[in-house]
Protein backbone atom coordinates (compact mmCIF):
# COMPACT_ATOMS: atom_id res chain seq x y z
CA MET A 1 24.69 10.41 32.68
CA ASP A 2 20.79 9.74 32.79
CA PHE A 3 20.14 11.65 30.16
CA ILE A 4 22.69 9.62 27.96
CA ALA A 5 20.96 6.35 29.52
CA GLY A 6 17.91 7.32 28.45
CA ALA A 7 18.71 8.29 25.07
CA ILE A 8 20.51 4.97 24.46
CA GLY A 9 17.53 3.18 25.67
CA GLY A 10 14.56 4.86 23.98
CA GLY A 11 16.55 4.81 20.90
CA LEU A 12 17.00 0.86 20.89
CA SER A 13 13.52 0.35 21.90
CA THR A 14 11.81 2.61 19.03
CA ALA A 15 14.00 0.09 16.11
CA VAL A 16 12.00 -3.14 18.11
CA GLY A 17 8.54 -1.89 18.07
CA TYR A 18 8.77 0.39 15.37
CA PRO A 19 6.76 -2.40 12.68
CA LEU A 20 3.70 -2.72 15.76
CA ASP A 21 3.60 1.09 16.01
CA THR A 22 2.69 1.41 12.34
CA VAL A 23 -0.13 -1.72 12.38
CA LYS A 24 -1.52 0.58 15.68
CA VAL A 25 -1.47 3.75 14.11
CA ARG A 26 -3.21 2.70 10.88
CA ILE A 27 -5.54 0.64 12.93
CA GLN A 28 -6.34 4.10 14.75
CA THR A 29 -6.60 6.11 11.86
CA GLU A 30 -8.33 4.38 9.78
CA ARG A 31 -11.85 2.15 9.55
CA HIS A 32 -11.23 -0.45 7.09
CA TYR A 33 -9.36 -2.85 8.90
CA ASN A 34 -10.88 -5.43 10.39
CA GLY A 35 -8.31 -6.23 12.67
CA ILE A 36 -4.87 -6.27 14.19
CA TRP A 37 -3.82 -9.23 11.09
CA HIS A 38 -5.81 -7.88 8.87
CA CYS A 39 -3.60 -4.76 9.10
CA ILE A 40 -0.17 -6.72 8.87
CA GLN A 41 -1.46 -8.89 5.65
CA GLU A 42 -2.33 -5.74 3.77
CA THR A 43 0.25 -3.51 4.81
CA TYR A 44 2.46 -6.28 3.91
CA ARG A 45 0.62 -7.23 0.67
CA THR A 46 0.66 -3.61 -0.94
CA GLU A 47 3.84 -2.46 0.90
CA LYS A 48 6.20 -5.04 1.58
CA VAL A 49 8.13 -5.08 4.70
CA TRP A 50 9.27 -1.17 4.15
CA GLY A 51 5.40 -0.39 4.67
CA PHE A 52 6.24 -1.13 8.73
CA TYR A 53 8.93 1.33 9.15
CA LYS A 54 8.03 4.71 7.23
CA GLY A 55 9.12 7.63 9.37
CA VAL A 56 11.61 5.20 11.42
CA SER A 57 14.51 6.46 11.10
CA ALA A 58 13.71 10.40 11.76
CA SER A 59 11.59 8.15 14.81
CA VAL A 60 14.76 6.51 15.98
CA LEU A 61 16.40 9.96 16.46
CA ALA A 62 13.35 11.88 17.92
CA VAL A 63 12.23 9.45 20.61
CA SER A 64 16.28 9.01 21.67
CA ALA A 65 16.15 12.73 22.28
CA ILE A 66 12.64 12.29 23.76
CA SER A 67 13.58 9.41 26.69
CA SER A 68 17.20 11.23 27.15
CA VAL A 69 14.41 14.23 28.05
CA SER A 70 12.28 11.74 30.00
CA PHE A 71 14.60 9.81 31.69
CA GLY A 72 17.05 13.06 33.12
CA THR A 73 13.77 15.23 34.00
CA TYR A 74 12.26 12.16 36.06
CA LYS A 75 15.88 11.75 37.65
CA ASN A 76 16.25 15.33 38.30
CA PHE A 77 12.98 16.22 39.40
CA LEU A 78 12.30 13.32 41.91
CA CYS A 79 16.30 14.17 43.34
CA THR A 80 14.96 17.68 43.91
CA ILE A 81 11.62 16.56 45.48
CA CYS A 82 13.55 14.69 47.94
CA LYS A 83 16.02 17.36 48.76
CA LEU A 84 13.05 19.54 49.55
CA ARG A 85 10.93 16.99 51.35
CA TYR A 86 13.94 14.84 53.19
CA GLY A 87 17.12 17.00 52.86
CA ALA A 88 18.68 14.70 50.84
CA ALA A 89 18.26 14.35 47.00
CA ASP A 90 19.87 10.42 47.58
CA ALA A 91 16.96 9.95 49.98
CA LYS A 92 13.92 7.08 49.93
CA PRO A 93 11.25 8.58 47.76
CA SER A 94 7.43 8.23 48.73
CA LYS A 95 5.16 6.79 45.85
CA LEU A 96 3.59 10.25 45.44
CA ASP A 97 7.00 11.78 44.64
CA VAL A 98 7.52 9.19 41.92
CA SER A 99 3.97 9.87 40.47
CA LEU A 100 4.90 13.59 40.30
CA ALA A 101 8.27 13.10 38.65
CA GLY A 102 6.46 10.78 36.37
CA GLY A 103 4.05 13.15 35.52
CA ALA A 104 6.48 15.89 35.30
CA ALA A 105 8.56 13.57 33.02
CA GLY A 106 5.69 13.26 30.90
CA ALA A 107 5.01 17.02 30.63
CA ALA A 108 8.63 18.02 29.70
CA ARG A 109 8.76 15.88 26.61
CA VAL A 110 5.69 17.13 24.92
CA MET A 111 6.65 19.90 23.23
CA LEU A 112 10.02 18.16 21.68
CA MET A 113 7.67 14.96 21.01
CA ASN A 114 4.65 16.60 18.99
CA PRO A 115 6.26 17.66 15.79
CA SER A 116 8.18 14.07 15.31
CA GLU A 117 4.75 12.04 16.34
CA VAL A 118 2.92 14.12 13.14
CA ALA A 119 5.61 13.29 11.08
CA LYS A 120 5.34 9.68 12.13
CA VAL A 121 1.96 9.35 12.07
CA ARG A 122 1.81 10.97 8.41
CA MET A 123 4.47 8.96 6.84
CA GLN A 124 2.43 5.48 8.87
CA THR A 125 -0.70 6.58 7.28
CA GLN A 126 0.77 7.49 3.76
CA ARG A 127 0.28 4.84 1.14
CA ASN A 128 3.14 3.55 -1.15
CA PRO A 129 2.30 0.83 -3.24
CA HIS A 130 4.98 -1.61 -3.61
CA PRO A 131 6.58 -1.84 -7.09
CA SER A 132 5.88 -5.83 -7.54
CA VAL A 133 2.05 -4.95 -6.50
CA SER A 134 1.39 -1.84 -8.84
CA SER A 135 1.25 -1.05 -12.23
CA PRO A 136 2.72 1.65 -13.35
CA GLN A 137 -0.68 3.62 -13.86
CA THR A 138 -1.47 2.95 -10.27
CA VAL A 139 1.46 4.10 -8.98
CA SER A 140 1.20 8.09 -7.49
CA LYS A 141 4.08 10.16 -6.61
CA PRO A 142 3.85 9.97 -2.45
CA LYS A 143 3.20 13.48 -0.76
CA TYR A 144 5.41 12.95 1.87
CA HIS A 145 9.31 11.83 0.63
CA GLY A 146 10.58 11.60 4.21
CA SER A 147 10.47 12.74 7.80
CA LEU A 148 11.81 15.89 7.26
CA HIS A 149 10.29 16.42 3.82
CA CYS A 150 6.98 15.68 6.01
CA LEU A 151 7.98 18.28 8.50
CA LYS A 152 8.36 20.92 5.64
CA VAL A 153 5.66 20.13 3.71
CA ILE A 154 3.83 20.73 7.23
CA VAL A 155 4.87 23.89 7.93
CA LYS A 156 4.59 25.21 4.27
CA GLU A 157 0.66 23.91 4.06
CA GLU A 158 -0.33 24.32 7.67
CA GLY A 159 2.10 26.76 9.10
CA PHE A 160 4.11 25.83 12.27
CA GLY A 161 1.07 25.27 14.45
CA GLY A 162 0.87 22.34 12.07
CA LEU A 163 3.69 20.43 13.96
CA TYR A 164 1.31 20.56 17.12
CA LYS A 165 -1.69 19.15 16.51
CA GLY A 166 -2.88 16.80 18.61
CA CYS A 167 -0.73 18.72 21.51
CA SER A 168 -3.63 18.78 24.16
CA ALA A 169 -4.26 14.89 24.10
CA LEU A 170 -0.49 13.97 23.86
CA LEU A 171 -0.06 16.17 27.04
CA CYS A 172 -3.13 14.37 28.32
CA ARG A 173 -1.63 10.69 27.20
CA ASP A 174 1.80 11.43 28.62
CA CYS A 175 1.64 13.00 31.85
CA SER A 176 -1.02 10.18 33.41
CA SER A 177 0.76 7.03 31.93
CA SER A 178 4.36 8.66 32.45
CA ALA A 179 3.29 8.91 36.17
CA ILE A 180 1.87 5.36 36.08
CA TYR A 181 4.94 4.10 34.31
CA PHE A 182 7.75 5.45 36.46
CA LEU A 183 5.55 4.29 39.79
CA THR A 184 4.71 0.47 38.36
CA TYR A 185 8.53 0.34 37.54
CA SER A 186 9.85 1.58 40.77
CA ALA A 187 7.21 -0.38 42.97
CA LEU A 188 7.74 -3.24 40.82
CA CYS A 189 11.56 -3.09 41.74
CA ASP A 190 11.23 -2.60 45.09
CA TRP A 191 8.91 -5.58 45.79
CA LEU A 192 10.79 -7.94 43.43
CA THR A 193 14.15 -7.28 44.87
CA PRO A 194 15.58 -9.25 47.75
CA ALA A 195 15.58 -7.15 51.39
CA GLY A 196 19.53 -6.42 51.44
CA LYS A 197 20.18 -5.99 47.91
CA ASP A 198 21.11 -2.27 46.98
CA LYS A 199 20.10 -2.47 43.43
CA PRO A 200 17.55 -4.84 41.39
CA GLY A 201 18.89 -8.04 38.91
CA PHE A 202 18.66 -7.36 35.29
CA LEU A 203 16.02 -10.41 35.43
CA VAL A 204 13.91 -8.06 37.96
CA VAL A 205 14.26 -4.55 35.77
CA LEU A 206 13.28 -6.64 32.69
CA LEU A 207 9.74 -7.53 34.37
CA SER A 208 9.26 -4.43 36.08
CA GLY A 209 9.98 -2.29 32.84
CA GLY A 210 7.73 -4.85 30.60
CA PHE A 211 4.62 -4.33 33.17
CA ALA A 212 5.23 -1.13 33.81
CA GLY A 213 4.69 -0.52 29.53
CA VAL A 214 2.07 -2.54 29.67
CA LEU A 215 0.34 -0.60 32.11
CA ALA A 216 0.77 2.76 30.91
CA TRP A 217 -0.19 2.24 27.48
CA GLY A 218 -3.18 0.55 28.78
CA LEU A 219 -4.10 3.96 30.48
CA ALA A 220 -2.81 6.16 27.60
CA THR A 221 -4.66 4.16 24.48
CA PRO A 222 -7.66 6.62 24.58
CA MET A 223 -5.84 9.71 24.62
CA ASP A 224 -3.37 7.67 21.83
CA VAL A 225 -6.43 7.17 19.31
CA ILE A 226 -7.26 10.88 19.78
CA LYS A 227 -3.65 11.98 19.21
CA SER A 228 -3.24 9.68 15.83
CA ARG A 229 -6.42 11.24 14.64
CA MET A 230 -6.14 14.91 15.25
CA GLN A 231 -2.72 14.33 13.88
CA THR A 232 -3.51 12.98 10.27
CA ASP A 233 -5.96 15.54 9.92
CA GLU A 234 -4.57 17.66 7.39
CA SER A 235 -4.85 21.32 6.28
CA ASP A 236 -7.50 20.50 3.40
CA GLN A 237 -9.96 18.06 5.57
CA HIS A 238 -10.75 20.01 8.84
CA LYS A 239 -12.50 17.26 10.40
CA TYR A 240 -11.78 18.25 14.55
CA ARG A 241 -12.35 21.58 16.10
CA GLY A 242 -9.67 20.05 18.73
CA LEU A 243 -9.96 17.69 21.69
CA VAL A 244 -13.18 17.51 22.54
CA HIS A 245 -14.94 17.82 19.23
CA CYS A 246 -12.61 14.64 18.14
CA VAL A 247 -13.71 12.96 21.01
CA ARG A 248 -17.08 13.44 20.43
CA GLU A 249 -16.97 13.11 16.87
CA SER A 250 -15.27 9.53 16.83
CA VAL A 251 -17.42 8.29 19.60
CA ARG A 252 -21.00 9.33 17.86
CA LYS A 253 -19.51 7.93 14.57
CA GLU A 254 -17.66 4.64 16.00
CA GLY A 255 -18.58 3.78 19.56
CA ALA A 256 -17.26 4.28 22.48
CA LYS A 257 -15.31 1.33 21.41
CA VAL A 258 -13.23 3.50 19.15
CA LEU A 259 -11.12 5.00 22.25
CA PHE A 260 -9.45 1.41 22.56
CA LYS A 261 -8.71 0.85 18.93
CA GLY A 262 -5.13 -0.95 19.40
CA LEU A 263 -5.38 -1.24 23.07
CA GLY A 264 -4.03 -4.59 22.59
CA LEU A 265 -1.63 -3.87 20.28
CA ASN A 266 -0.09 -1.71 22.69
CA CYS A 267 0.04 -3.89 25.15
CA ILE A 268 1.47 -6.54 23.32
CA ARG A 269 4.09 -3.97 21.67
CA ALA A 270 4.93 -2.02 25.52
CA PHE A 271 6.50 -5.39 26.97
CA PRO A 272 9.39 -6.33 24.72
CA VAL A 273 9.77 -2.49 24.12
CA ASN A 274 10.16 -1.10 27.72
CA MET A 275 12.04 -4.01 28.90
CA VAL A 276 14.48 -2.73 25.95
CA VAL A 277 14.27 0.87 27.31
CA PHE A 278 14.79 -0.05 31.37
CA VAL A 279 17.31 -2.97 30.71
CA THR A 280 19.48 -0.64 28.52
CA TYR A 281 18.88 2.76 30.56
CA GLU A 282 20.09 0.39 34.19
CA ALA A 283 23.10 -1.36 32.20
CA VAL A 284 24.39 2.09 30.92
CA LEU A 285 24.34 3.43 34.57
CA ARG A 286 25.79 0.98 35.55
CA PHE A 287 28.63 0.35 33.26
CA ALA A 288 29.27 4.65 33.76
CA GLU A 289 29.48 3.86 38.01
CA ARG A 290 31.87 0.84 37.47
CA TYR A 291 34.00 2.67 34.67
């Protein structure tokens, strides 16, 4: 049931946070934006509302599957740890147990997640001027016609390995941030739930999920920037030779502050998105238990 609850929560949260995710990716990968508001204005001026939702359909499906794997792996790994350490799967886990299970959840989803992330980032950074703001002479045919077409073109031009560009950065990002994510959520739920209550109330779930998301994304932002840059590096560019080279080149050209591009946006987006993730997850589990 954890897999199903995670899938529903992940799909709904993606629909909520996708426009801000597009703005975040553009700020992280392109240097001509002066800030969040400038990026929003330019995207709307040239591409209208659809510009914020490029690649959203594939992303919703992918994140549903990824969230399912993440929550399912977390719960099953945690139960296994508790059974091995304390003799019972439902024993109360320690903070270390929760962190280890969270890290395992982050690692488990990377192989499934990377191709969809590459397609999402390429679609989000592709320029398609809206017909109302461009003349027929300036409209060029987009390279990618959709997320599936994008994946097909990447495999054709860059080989199967092209789908796993930025995988090392994604692994670093998700193992650490997922450990913090589940640990923060678990700790806040325990702290805010009154003594004697078996489960946290939905307000506690909302607040705990929101703050867990903010803290996790705060930690994840540097590797998120590097991941996005590596994934936009197409076959004819070859700007980056790997994770360390991407970090070195980015910092050399733009200073250490480049690693924190989109930090504020990540944290703003993380609160409502992860509120939706956890409250949906808990609601589905409780509904299943009742009926």
